Amino acid sequence: KTAPKVISQLKRDLDAKTRSETYRCRFRLSLNERLDGEIACHLWTPYNRSNVSGKLYISSNFVCFASKVRFQNVVIFKLIMKNNNNKVFHQINLIIPFRDIMVIEKQPDNP
């Protein structure tokens, strides 16, 4: 039998620091922002009436959303990027300060 791998506290701390640094760079946040968590989610985009898949990032002062979308008609929050296969993606980045959030509601899951 193999023993389960034990991840050292140092490795966990370094991984968390790396994720926080990546988060701060992606959204151009200040150095004191520390990533508290991230989760896959969908963002409703009213301009084309659809959901966009991505990740929701939470820190002490901000809620941020990032997604790569393959359709061409993204109008707001657009940043064109190329990956290693020369495929073009439109990156949607959204940064919302917690002070601007009044209500957060979970939408019911669609059957």
PDB file of N, CA and C in Angstrom:
ATOM      1  N   LYS A   1       0.839  -1.199   0.000  1.00  0.00           N
ATOM      2  CA  LYS A   1       0.000   0.000   0.000  1.00  0.00           C
ATOM      3  C   LYS A   1       0.870   1.244   0.000  1.00  0.00           C
ATOM      4  N   THR A   2       0.337   2.272  -0.640  1.00  0.00           N
ATOM      5  CA  THR A   2       1.071   3.534  -0.640  1.00  0.00           C
ATOM      6  C   THR A   2       0.430   4.481   0.355  1.00  0.00           C
ATOM      7  N   ALA A   3       1.267   5.192   1.050  1.00  0.00           N
ATOM      8  CA  ALA A   3       0.780   6.162   2.033  1.00  0.00           C
ATOM      9  C   ALA A   3       0.292   7.408   1.300  1.00  0.00           C
ATOM     10  N   PRO A   4      -0.753   8.040   1.799  1.00  0.00           N
ATOM     11  CA  PRO A   4      -1.217   9.269   1.157  1.00  0.00           C
ATOM     12  C   PRO A   4      -0.143  10.342   1.244  1.00  0.00           C
ATOM     13  N   LYS A   5      -0.065  11.149   0.196  1.00  0.00           N
ATOM     14  CA  LYS A   5       0.931  12.213   0.177  1.00  0.00           C
ATOM     15  C   LYS A   5       0.563  13.297   1.182  1.00  0.00           C
ATOM     16  N   VAL A   6       1.534  13.709   1.916  1.00  0.00           N
ATOM     17  CA  VAL A   6       1.340  14.788   2.878  1.00  0.00           C
ATOM     18  C   VAL A   6       2.004  16.029   2.297  1.00  0.00           C
ATOM     19  N   ILE A   7       1.196  17.049   2.094  1.00  0.00           N
ATOM     20  CA  ILE A   7       1.717  18.293   1.539  1.00  0.00           C
ATOM     21  C   ILE A   7       2.195  19.163   2.698  1.00  0.00           C
ATOM     22  N   SER A   8       3.396  19.616   2.592  1.00  0.00           N
ATOM     23  CA  SER A   8       3.972  20.413   3.675  1.00  0.00           C
ATOM     24  C   SER A   8       3.292  21.776   3.764  1.00  0.00           C
ATOM     25  N   GLN A   9       3.360  22.346   4.944  1.00  0.00           N
ATOM     26  CA  GLN A   9       2.796  23.674   5.175  1.00  0.00           C
ATOM     27  C   GLN A   9       3.494  24.701   4.284  1.00  0.00           C
ATOM     28  N   LEU A  10       4.801  24.538   4.087  1.00  0.00           N
ATOM     29  CA  LEU A  10       5.556  25.453   3.245  1.00  0.00           C
ATOM     30  C   LEU A  10       5.039  25.426   1.807  1.00  0.00           C
ATOM     31  N   LYS A  11       4.781  24.240   1.270  1.00  0.00           N
ATOM     32  CA  LYS A  11       4.273  24.120  -0.097  1.00  0.00           C
ATOM     33  C   LYS A  11       2.896  24.761  -0.209  1.00  0.00           C
ATOM     34  N   ARG A  12       2.022  24.528   0.765  1.00  0.00           N
ATOM     35  CA  ARG A  12       0.686  25.155   0.740  1.00  0.00           C
ATOM     36  C   ARG A  12       0.800  26.681   0.758  1.00  0.00           C
ATOM     37  N   ASP A  13       1.711  27.202   1.592  1.00  0.00           N
ATOM     38  CA  ASP A  13       1.894  28.652   1.673  1.00  0.00           C
ATOM     39  C   ASP A  13       2.425  29.220   0.360  1.00  0.00           C
ATOM     40  N   LEU A  14       3.389  28.529  -0.237  1.00  0.00           N
ATOM     41  CA  LEU A  14       3.947  28.990  -1.513  1.00  0.00           C
ATOM     42  C   LEU A  14       2.913  28.927  -2.634  1.00  0.00           C
ATOM     43  N   ASP A  15       2.104  27.867  -2.653  1.00  0.00           N
ATOM     44  CA  ASP A  15       1.037  27.763  -3.659  1.00  0.00           C
ATOM     45  C   ASP A  15       0.017  28.887  -3.505  1.00  0.00           C
ATOM     46  N   ALA A  16      -0.365  29.176  -2.264  1.00  0.00           N
ATOM     47  CA  ALA A  16      -1.331  30.249  -2.004  1.00  0.00           C
ATOM     48  C   ALA A  16      -0.746  31.603  -2.418  1.00  0.00           C
ATOM     49  N   LYS A  17       0.538  31.806  -2.131  1.00  0.00           N
ATOM     50  CA  LYS A  17       1.189  33.060  -2.511  1.00  0.00           C
ATOM     51  C   LYS A  17       1.238  33.207  -4.029  1.00  0.00           C
ATOM     52  N   THR A  18       1.522  32.114  -4.729  1.00  0.00           N
ATOM     53  CA  THR A  18       1.560  32.142  -6.199  1.00  0.00           C
ATOM     54  C   THR A  18       0.187  32.448  -6.778  1.00  0.00           C
ATOM     55  N   ARG A  19      -0.866  31.816  -6.236  1.00  0.00           N
ATOM     56  CA  ARG A  19      -2.224  32.077  -6.725  1.00  0.00           C
ATOM     57  C   ARG A  19      -2.621  33.535  -6.475  1.00  0.00           C
ATOM     58  N   SER A  20      -2.254  34.071  -5.315  1.00  0.00           N
ATOM     59  CA  SER A  20      -2.568  35.472  -5.008  1.00  0.00           C
ATOM     60  C   SER A  20      -1.835  36.415  -5.948  1.00  0.00           C
ATOM     61  N   GLU A  21      -0.574  36.116  -6.229  1.00  0.00           N
ATOM     62  CA  GLU A  21       0.208  36.961  -7.139  1.00  0.00           C
ATOM     63  C   GLU A  21      -0.382  36.944  -8.544  1.00  0.00           C
ATOM     64  N   THR A  22      -0.769  35.772  -9.014  1.00  0.00           N
ATOM     65  CA  THR A  22      -1.395  35.653 -10.330  1.00  0.00           C
ATOM     66  C   THR A  22      -2.704  36.437 -10.378  1.00  0.00           C
ATOM     67  N   TYR A  23      -3.496  36.324  -9.317  1.00  0.00           N
ATOM     68  CA  TYR A  23      -4.763  37.052  -9.193  1.00  0.00           C
ATOM     69  C   TYR A  23      -4.523  38.562  -9.255  1.00  0.00           C
ATOM     70  N   ARG A  24      -3.573  39.050  -8.469  1.00  0.00           N
ATOM     71  CA  ARG A  24      -3.287  40.499  -8.454  1.00  0.00           C
ATOM     72  C   ARG A  24      -2.823  40.984  -9.824  1.00  0.00           C
ATOM     73  N   CYS A  25      -2.002  40.197 -10.499  1.00  0.00           N
ATOM     74  CA  CYS A  25      -1.503  40.602 -11.821  1.00  0.00           C
ATOM     75  C   CYS A  25      -2.612  40.579 -12.867  1.00  0.00           C
ATOM     76  N   ARG A  26      -3.439  39.545 -12.840  1.00  0.00           N
ATOM     77  CA  ARG A  26      -4.514  39.426 -13.834  1.00  0.00           C
ATOM     78  C   ARG A  26      -5.466  40.607 -13.761  1.00  0.00           C
ATOM     79  N   PHE A  27      -5.805  41.027 -12.546  1.00  0.00           N
ATOM     80  CA  PHE A  27      -6.790  42.099 -12.382  1.00  0.00           C
ATOM     81  C   PHE A  27      -6.165  43.440 -12.011  1.00  0.00           C
ATOM     82  N   ARG A  28      -4.846  43.497 -11.979  1.00  0.00           N
ATOM     83  CA  ARG A  28      -4.107  44.735 -11.669  1.00  0.00           C
ATOM     84  C   ARG A  28      -4.545  45.337 -10.342  1.00  0.00           C
ATOM     85  N   LEU A  29      -4.505  44.508  -9.313  1.00  0.00           N
ATOM     86  CA  LEU A  29      -4.899  44.931  -7.974  1.00  0.00           C
ATOM     87  C   LEU A  29      -3.664  45.282  -7.150  1.00  0.00           C
ATOM     88  N   SER A  30      -3.889  45.940  -6.018  1.00  0.00           N
ATOM     89  CA  SER A  30      -2.768  46.362  -5.167  1.00  0.00           C
ATOM     90  C   SER A  30      -2.090  45.158  -4.512  1.00  0.00           C
ATOM     91  N   LEU A  31      -0.890  45.383  -4.043  1.00  0.00           N
ATOM     92  CA  LEU A  31      -0.086  44.305  -3.463  1.00  0.00           C
ATOM     93  C   LEU A  31      -0.657  43.747  -2.163  1.00  0.00           C
ATOM     94  N   ASN A  32      -1.532  44.491  -1.492  1.00  0.00           N
ATOM     95  CA  ASN A  32      -2.082  43.985  -0.234  1.00  0.00           C
ATOM     96  C   ASN A  32      -3.309  43.089  -0.432  1.00  0.00           C
ATOM     97  N   GLU A  33      -3.785  42.913  -1.666  1.00  0.00           N
ATOM     98  CA  GLU A  33      -4.912  42.005  -1.925  1.00  0.00           C
ATOM     99  C   GLU A  33      -4.423  40.560  -1.881  1.00  0.00           C
ATOM    100  N   ARG A  34      -5.127  39.738  -1.126  1.00  0.00           N
ATOM    101  CA  ARG A  34      -4.794  38.325  -1.028  1.00  0.00           C
ATOM    102  C   ARG A  34      -6.014  37.508  -1.453  1.00  0.00           C
ATOM    103  N   LEU A  35      -5.795  36.572  -2.358  1.00  0.00           N
ATOM    104  CA  LEU A  35      -6.882  35.740  -2.864  1.00  0.00           C
ATOM    105  C   LEU A  35      -7.401  34.839  -1.751  1.00  0.00           C
ATOM    106  N   ASP A  36      -8.712  34.921  -1.491  1.00  0.00           N
ATOM    107  CA  ASP A  36      -9.329  34.076  -0.471  1.00  0.00           C
ATOM    108  C   ASP A  36      -9.910  32.802  -1.068  1.00  0.00           C
ATOM    109  N   GLY A  37     -10.357  32.867  -2.323  1.00  0.00           N
ATOM    110  CA  GLY A  37     -10.930  31.680  -2.946  1.00  0.00           C
ATOM    111  C   GLY A  37     -11.320  31.932  -4.377  1.00  0.00           C
ATOM    112  N   GLU A  38     -11.538  30.839  -5.099  1.00  0.00           N
ATOM    113  CA  GLU A  38     -11.982  30.913  -6.490  1.00  0.00           C
ATOM    114  C   GLU A  38     -12.906  29.736  -6.756  1.00  0.00           C
ATOM    115  N   ILE A  39     -13.867  29.963  -7.658  1.00  0.00           N
ATOM    116  CA  ILE A  39     -14.837  28.922  -7.982  1.00  0.00           C
ATOM    117  C   ILE A  39     -15.323  29.116  -9.412  1.00  0.00           C
ATOM    118  N   ALA A  40     -15.580  28.020 -10.100  1.00  0.00           N
ATOM    119  CA  ALA A  40     -16.137  28.093 -11.456  1.00  0.00           C
ATOM    120  C   ALA A  40     -17.567  28.612 -11.371  1.00  0.00           C
ATOM    121  N   CYS A  41     -17.938  29.465 -12.320  1.00  0.00           N
ATOM    122  CA  CYS A  41     -19.294  30.018 -12.319  1.00  0.00           C
ATOM    123  C   CYS A  41     -19.649  30.519 -13.711  1.00  0.00           C
ATOM    124  N   HIS A  42     -20.836  31.104 -13.835  1.00  0.00           N
ATOM    125  CA  HIS A  42     -21.300  31.701 -15.081  1.00  0.00           C
ATOM    126  C   HIS A  42     -21.666  33.152 -14.814  1.00  0.00           C
ATOM    127  N   LEU A  43     -21.363  34.015 -15.768  1.00  0.00           N
ATOM    128  CA  LEU A  43     -21.707  35.431 -15.693  1.00  0.00           C
ATOM    129  C   LEU A  43     -22.770  35.721 -16.739  1.00  0.00           C
ATOM    130  N   TRP A  44     -23.892  36.310 -16.314  1.00  0.00           N
ATOM    131  CA  TRP A  44     -24.950  36.692 -17.242  1.00  0.00           C
ATOM    132  C   TRP A  44     -24.522  37.967 -17.956  1.00  0.00           C
ATOM    133  N   THR A  45     -24.504  37.923 -19.284  1.00  0.00           N
ATOM    134  CA  THR A  45     -24.136  39.098 -20.069  1.00  0.00           C
ATOM    135  C   THR A  45     -25.380  39.611 -20.786  1.00  0.00           C
ATOM    136  N   PRO A  46     -25.952  40.706 -20.295  1.00  0.00           N
ATOM    137  CA  PRO A  46     -27.210  41.196 -20.851  1.00  0.00           C
ATOM    138  C   PRO A  46     -27.108  41.686 -22.292  1.00  0.00           C
ATOM    139  N   TYR A  47     -25.924  42.100 -22.743  1.00  0.00           N
ATOM    140  CA  TYR A  47     -25.804  42.620 -24.105  1.00  0.00           C
ATOM    141  C   TYR A  47     -26.047  41.552 -25.160  1.00  0.00           C
ATOM    142  N   ASN A  48     -25.804  40.277 -24.840  1.00  0.00           N
ATOM    143  CA  ASN A  48     -26.126  39.215 -25.798  1.00  0.00           C
ATOM    144  C   ASN A  48     -27.016  38.140 -25.182  1.00  0.00           C
ATOM    145  N   ARG A  49     -27.537  38.422 -23.996  1.00  0.00           N
ATOM    146  CA  ARG A  49     -28.496  37.555 -23.297  1.00  0.00           C
ATOM    147  C   ARG A  49     -28.028  36.099 -23.205  1.00  0.00           C
ATOM    148  N   SER A  50     -26.839  35.930 -22.645  1.00  0.00           N
ATOM    149  CA  SER A  50     -26.321  34.572 -22.471  1.00  0.00           C
ATOM    150  C   SER A  50     -25.426  34.511 -21.243  1.00  0.00           C
ATOM    151  N   ASN A  51     -25.118  33.284 -20.827  1.00  0.00           N
ATOM    152  CA  ASN A  51     -24.192  33.047 -19.732  1.00  0.00           C
ATOM    153  C   ASN A  51     -22.809  32.793 -20.302  1.00  0.00           C
ATOM    154  N   VAL A  52     -21.794  33.328 -19.628  1.00  0.00           N
ATOM    155  CA  VAL A  52     -20.405  33.121 -20.017  1.00  0.00           C
ATOM    156  C   VAL A  52     -19.727  32.339 -18.903  1.00  0.00           C
ATOM    157  N   SER A  53     -19.094  31.229 -19.244  1.00  0.00           N
ATOM    158  CA  SER A  53     -18.400  30.416 -18.250  1.00  0.00           C
ATOM    159  C   SER A  53     -17.094  31.074 -17.860  1.00  0.00           C
ATOM    160  N   GLY A  54     -16.718  30.918 -16.607  1.00  0.00           N
ATOM    161  CA  GLY A  54     -15.464  31.483 -16.140  1.00  0.00           C
ATOM    162  C   GLY A  54     -15.213  31.145 -14.697  1.00  0.00           C
ATOM    163  N   LYS A  55     -14.399  31.949 -14.054  1.00  0.00           N
ATOM    164  CA  LYS A  55     -14.066  31.767 -12.644  1.00  0.00           C
ATOM    165  C   LYS A  55     -14.345  33.039 -11.881  1.00  0.00           C
ATOM    166  N   LEU A  56     -14.879  32.861 -10.690  1.00  0.00           N
ATOM    167  CA  LEU A  56     -15.125  33.956  -9.770  1.00  0.00           C
ATOM    168  C   LEU A  56     -14.017  33.925  -8.725  1.00  0.00           C
ATOM    169  N   TYR A  57     -13.356  35.052  -8.524  1.00  0.00           N
ATOM    170  CA  TYR A  57     -12.262  35.171  -7.563  1.00  0.00           C
ATOM    171  C   TYR A  57     -12.707  36.118  -6.455  1.00  0.00           C
ATOM    172  N   ILE A  58     -12.398  35.767  -5.214  1.00  0.00           N
ATOM    173  CA  ILE A  58     -12.802  36.594  -4.079  1.00  0.00           C
ATOM    174  C   ILE A  58     -11.580  36.923  -3.231  1.00  0.00           C
ATOM    175  N   SER A  59     -11.444  38.209  -2.915  1.00  0.00           N
ATOM    176  CA  SER A  59     -10.405  38.662  -1.986  1.00  0.00           C
ATOM    177  C   SER A  59     -11.085  39.533  -0.943  1.00  0.00           C
ATOM    178  N   SER A  60     -10.302  40.168  -0.097  1.00  0.00           N
ATOM    179  CA  SER A  60     -10.892  40.938   0.991  1.00  0.00           C
ATOM    180  C   SER A  60     -11.661  42.169   0.517  1.00  0.00           C
ATOM    181  N   ASN A  61     -11.310  42.734  -0.631  1.00  0.00           N
ATOM    182  CA  ASN A  61     -11.968  43.954  -1.094  1.00  0.00           C
ATOM    183  C   ASN A  61     -12.685  43.841  -2.435  1.00  0.00           C
ATOM    184  N   PHE A  62     -12.486  42.731  -3.155  1.00  0.00           N
ATOM    185  CA  PHE A  62     -13.027  42.634  -4.506  1.00  0.00           C
ATOM    186  C   PHE A  62     -13.614  41.260  -4.804  1.00  0.00           C
ATOM    187  N   VAL A  63     -14.592  41.276  -5.715  1.00  0.00           N
ATOM    188  CA  VAL A  63     -15.069  40.079  -6.385  1.00  0.00           C
ATOM    189  C   VAL A  63     -14.703  40.277  -7.843  1.00  0.00           C
ATOM    190  N   CYS A  64     -13.985  39.317  -8.422  1.00  0.00           N
ATOM    191  CA  CYS A  64     -13.539  39.450  -9.806  1.00  0.00           C
ATOM    192  C   CYS A  64     -13.980  38.232 -10.612  1.00  0.00           C
ATOM    193  N   PHE A  65     -14.204  38.448 -11.898  1.00  0.00           N
ATOM    194  CA  PHE A  65     -14.604  37.373 -12.798  1.00  0.00           C
ATOM    195  C   PHE A  65     -13.685  37.399 -14.005  1.00  0.00           C
ATOM    196  N   ALA A  66     -13.251  36.218 -14.436  1.00  0.00           N
ATOM    197  CA  ALA A  66     -12.424  36.109 -15.643  1.00  0.00           C
ATOM    198  C   ALA A  66     -12.914  34.934 -16.474  1.00  0.00           C
ATOM    199  N   SER A  67     -12.938  35.131 -17.784  1.00  0.00           N
ATOM    200  CA  SER A  67     -13.394  34.076 -18.670  1.00  0.00           C
ATOM    201  C   SER A  67     -12.773  34.226 -20.036  1.00  0.00           C
ATOM    202  N   LYS A  68     -12.590  33.104 -20.718  1.00  0.00           N
ATOM    203  CA  LYS A  68     -12.188  33.113 -22.120  1.00  0.00           C
ATOM    204  C   LYS A  68     -13.398  32.673 -22.932  1.00  0.00           C
ATOM    205  N   VAL A  69     -13.769  33.485 -23.904  1.00  0.00           N
ATOM    206  CA  VAL A  69     -14.940  33.201 -24.710  1.00  0.00           C
ATOM    207  C   VAL A  69     -14.529  33.109 -26.170  1.00  0.00           C
ATOM    208  N   ARG A  70     -15.162  32.220 -26.912  1.00  0.00           N
ATOM    209  CA  ARG A  70     -14.766  32.008 -28.298  1.00  0.00           C
ATOM    210  C   ARG A  70     -15.628  32.727 -29.315  1.00  0.00           C
ATOM    211  N   PHE A  71     -16.666  33.437 -28.911  1.00  0.00           N
ATOM    212  CA  PHE A  71     -17.476  34.120 -29.914  1.00  0.00           C
ATOM    213  C   PHE A  71     -16.923  35.508 -30.182  1.00  0.00           C
ATOM    214  N   GLN A  72     -17.270  36.075 -31.324  1.00  0.00           N
ATOM    215  CA  GLN A  72     -16.648  37.298 -31.806  1.00  0.00           C
ATOM    216  C   GLN A  72     -17.358  38.577 -31.374  1.00  0.00           C
ATOM    217  N   ASN A  73     -18.588  38.493 -30.875  1.00  0.00           N
ATOM    218  CA  ASN A  73     -19.345  39.722 -30.634  1.00  0.00           C
ATOM    219  C   ASN A  73     -19.315  40.197 -29.187  1.00  0.00           C
ATOM    220  N   VAL A  74     -18.261  39.898 -28.458  1.00  0.00           N
ATOM    221  CA  VAL A  74     -18.117  40.426 -27.105  1.00  0.00           C
ATOM    222  C   VAL A  74     -17.737  41.895 -27.219  1.00  0.00           C
ATOM    223  N   VAL A  75     -18.485  42.747 -26.551  1.00  0.00           N
ATOM    224  CA  VAL A  75     -18.267  44.177 -26.727  1.00  0.00           C
ATOM    225  C   VAL A  75     -17.561  44.792 -25.515  1.00  0.00           C
ATOM    226  N   ILE A  76     -18.010  44.454 -24.298  1.00  0.00           N
ATOM    227  CA  ILE A  76     -17.415  45.096 -23.129  1.00  0.00           C
ATOM    228  C   ILE A  76     -16.417  44.170 -22.460  1.00  0.00           C
ATOM    229  N   PHE A  77     -15.490  44.735 -21.727  1.00  0.00           N
ATOM    230  CA  PHE A  77     -14.458  44.018 -20.992  1.00  0.00           C
ATOM    231  C   PHE A  77     -13.680  43.092 -21.918  1.00  0.00           C
ATOM    232  N   LYS A  78     -13.262  43.589 -23.060  1.00  0.00           N
ATOM    233  CA  LYS A  78     -12.642  42.745 -24.076  1.00  0.00           C
ATOM    234  C   LYS A  78     -11.137  42.948 -24.102  1.00  0.00           C
ATOM    235  N   LEU A  79     -10.419  41.850 -24.101  1.00  0.00           N
ATOM    236  CA  LEU A  79      -8.973  41.857 -24.256  1.00  0.00           C
ATOM    237  C   LEU A  79      -8.646  40.673 -25.139  1.00  0.00           C
ATOM    238  N   ILE A  80      -8.052  40.920 -26.296  1.00  0.00           N
ATOM    239  CA  ILE A  80      -7.777  39.838 -27.234  1.00  0.00           C
ATOM    240  C   ILE A  80      -6.441  39.201 -26.884  1.00  0.00           C
ATOM    241  N   MET A  81      -6.434  37.873 -26.795  1.00  0.00           N
ATOM    242  CA  MET A  81      -5.237  37.133 -26.448  1.00  0.00           C
ATOM    243  C   MET A  81      -5.060  35.988 -27.431  1.00  0.00           C
ATOM    244  N   LYS A  82      -3.832  35.550 -27.633  1.00  0.00           N
ATOM    245  CA  LYS A  82      -3.560  34.365 -28.433  1.00  0.00           C
ATOM    246  C   LYS A  82      -2.922  33.329 -27.532  1.00  0.00           C
ATOM    247  N   ASN A  83      -3.349  32.072 -27.691  1.00  0.00           N
ATOM    248  CA  ASN A  83      -2.700  31.020 -26.936  1.00  0.00           C
ATOM    249  C   ASN A  83      -1.627  30.377 -27.798  1.00  0.00           C
ATOM    250  N   ASN A  84      -1.042  29.288 -27.326  1.00  0.00           N
ATOM    251  CA  ASN A  84       0.069  28.660 -28.043  1.00  0.00           C
ATOM    252  C   ASN A  84      -0.327  28.104 -29.405  1.00  0.00           C
ATOM    253  N   ASN A  85      -1.598  27.800 -29.614  1.00  0.00           N
ATOM    254  CA  ASN A  85      -2.062  27.256 -30.887  1.00  0.00           C
ATOM    255  C   ASN A  85      -2.539  28.346 -31.841  1.00  0.00           C
ATOM    256  N   ASN A  86      -2.250  29.609 -31.524  1.00  0.00           N
ATOM    257  CA  ASN A  86      -2.668  30.765 -32.314  1.00  0.00           C
ATOM    258  C   ASN A  86      -4.186  30.896 -32.435  1.00  0.00           C
ATOM    259  N   LYS A  87      -4.922  30.343 -31.474  1.00  0.00           N
ATOM    260  CA  LYS A  87      -6.366  30.553 -31.433  1.00  0.00           C
ATOM    261  C   LYS A  87      -6.628  31.860 -30.689  1.00  0.00           C
ATOM    262  N   VAL A  88      -7.534  32.657 -31.211  1.00  0.00           N
ATOM    263  CA  VAL A  88      -7.836  33.945 -30.588  1.00  0.00           C
ATOM    264  C   VAL A  88      -8.979  33.772 -29.598  1.00  0.00           C
ATOM    265  N   PHE A  89      -8.780  34.291 -28.397  1.00  0.00           N
ATOM    266  CA  PHE A  89      -9.818  34.275 -27.370  1.00  0.00           C
ATOM    267  C   PHE A  89     -10.113  35.711 -26.972  1.00  0.00           C
ATOM    268  N   HIS A  90     -11.337  35.954 -26.590  1.00  0.00           N
ATOM    269  CA  HIS A  90     -11.698  37.233 -26.007  1.00  0.00           C
ATOM    270  C   HIS A  90     -11.769  37.007 -24.506  1.00  0.00           C
ATOM    271  N   GLN A  91     -10.980  37.746 -23.772  1.00  0.00           N
ATOM    272  CA  GLN A  91     -10.947  37.598 -22.320  1.00  0.00           C
ATOM    273  C   GLN A  91     -11.881  38.620 -21.704  1.00  0.00           C
ATOM    274  N   ILE A  92     -12.795  38.159 -20.887  1.00  0.00           N
ATOM    275  CA  ILE A  92     -13.688  39.050 -20.160  1.00  0.00           C
ATOM    276  C   ILE A  92     -13.167  39.135 -18.736  1.00  0.00           C
ATOM    277  N   ASN A  93     -12.831  40.341 -18.287  1.00  0.00           N
ATOM    278  CA  ASN A  93     -12.414  40.585 -16.915  1.00  0.00           C
ATOM    279  C   ASN A  93     -13.358  41.585 -16.294  1.00  0.00           C
ATOM    280  N   LEU A  94     -13.844  41.277 -15.123  1.00  0.00           N
ATOM    281  CA  LEU A  94     -14.773  42.142 -14.415  1.00  0.00           C
ATOM    282  C   LEU A  94     -14.293  42.256 -12.980  1.00  0.00           C
ATOM    283  N   ILE A  95     -14.170  43.478 -12.483  1.00  0.00           N
ATOM    284  CA  ILE A  95     -13.719  43.728 -11.112  1.00  0.00           C
ATOM    285  C   ILE A  95     -14.806  44.533 -10.402  1.00  0.00           C
ATOM    286  N   ILE A  96     -15.304  43.995  -9.289  1.00  0.00           N
ATOM    287  CA  ILE A  96     -16.363  44.669  -8.532  1.00  0.00           C
ATOM    288  C   ILE A  96     -15.889  44.861  -7.095  1.00  0.00           C
ATOM    289  N   PRO A  97     -15.751  46.103  -6.647  1.00  0.00           N
ATOM    290  CA  PRO A  97     -15.393  46.331  -5.240  1.00  0.00           C
ATOM    291  C   PRO A  97     -16.553  45.906  -4.327  1.00  0.00           C
ATOM    292  N   PHE A  98     -16.241  45.303  -3.178  1.00  0.00           N
ATOM    293  CA  PHE A  98     -17.285  44.876  -2.251  1.00  0.00           C
ATOM    294  C   PHE A  98     -18.150  46.046  -1.799  1.00  0.00           C
ATOM    295  N   ARG A  99     -17.583  47.230  -1.730  1.00  0.00           N
ATOM    296  CA  ARG A  99     -18.373  48.384  -1.266  1.00  0.00           C
ATOM    297  C   ARG A  99     -19.520  48.720  -2.225  1.00  0.00           C
ATOM    298  N   ASP A 100     -19.447  48.243  -3.491  1.00  0.00           N
ATOM    299  CA  ASP A 100     -20.493  48.506  -4.475  1.00  0.00           C
ATOM    300  C   ASP A 100     -21.558  47.411  -4.524  1.00  0.00           C
ATOM    301  N   ILE A 101     -21.358  46.327  -3.786  1.00  0.00           N
ATOM    302  CA  ILE A 101     -22.307  45.211  -3.818  1.00  0.00           C
ATOM    303  C   ILE A 101     -23.347  45.406  -2.728  1.00  0.00           C
ATOM    304  N   MET A 102     -24.612  45.361  -3.144  1.00  0.00           N
ATOM    305  CA  MET A 102     -25.696  45.525  -2.180  1.00  0.00           C
ATOM    306  C   MET A 102     -26.320  44.189  -1.805  1.00  0.00           C
ATOM    307  N   VAL A 103     -26.492  43.285  -2.778  1.00  0.00           N
ATOM    308  CA  VAL A 103     -27.143  42.001  -2.542  1.00  0.00           C
ATOM    309  C   VAL A 103     -26.458  40.939  -3.392  1.00  0.00           C
ATOM    310  N   ILE A 104     -26.305  39.751  -2.822  1.00  0.00           N
ATOM    311  CA  ILE A 104     -25.824  38.597  -3.577  1.00  0.00           C
ATOM    312  C   ILE A 104     -26.869  37.503  -3.439  1.00  0.00           C
ATOM    313  N   GLU A 105     -27.335  36.984  -4.564  1.00  0.00           N
ATOM    314  CA  GLU A 105     -28.353  35.934  -4.552  1.00  0.00           C
ATOM    315  C   GLU A 105     -27.876  34.746  -5.356  1.00  0.00           C
ATOM    316  N   LYS A 106     -28.139  33.557  -4.846  1.00  0.00           N
ATOM    317  CA  LYS A 106     -27.835  32.335  -5.599  1.00  0.00           C
ATOM    318  C   LYS A 106     -29.033  32.017  -6.474  1.00  0.00           C
ATOM    319  N   GLN A 107     -28.767  31.813  -7.745  1.00  0.00           N
ATOM    320  CA  GLN A 107     -29.838  31.459  -8.666  1.00  0.00           C
ATOM    321  C   GLN A 107     -30.130  29.962  -8.547  1.00  0.00           C
ATOM    322  N   PRO A 108     -31.394  29.566  -8.682  1.00  0.00           N
ATOM    323  CA  PRO A 108     -31.713  28.134  -8.617  1.00  0.00           C
ATOM    324  C   PRO A 108     -31.089  27.409  -9.790  1.00  0.00           C
ATOM    325  N   ASP A 109     -30.674  26.173  -9.542  1.00  0.00           N
ATOM    326  CA  ASP A 109     -30.101  25.352 -10.601  1.00  0.00           C
ATOM    327  C   ASP A 109     -31.183  25.003 -11.603  1.00  0.00           C
ATOM    328  N   ASN A 110     -30.827  25.037 -12.897  1.00  0.00           N
ATOM    329  CA  ASN A 110     -31.777  24.659 -13.931  1.00  0.00           C
ATOM    330  C   ASN A 110     -31.824  23.138 -14.022  1.00  0.00           C
ATOM    331  N   PRO A 111     -33.046  22.560 -14.099  1.00  0.00           N
ATOM    332  CA  PRO A 111     -33.128  21.095 -14.186  1.00  0.00           C
ATOM    333  C   PRO A 111     -32.679  20.576 -15.519  1.00  0.00           C
TER     334      PRO A 111
END
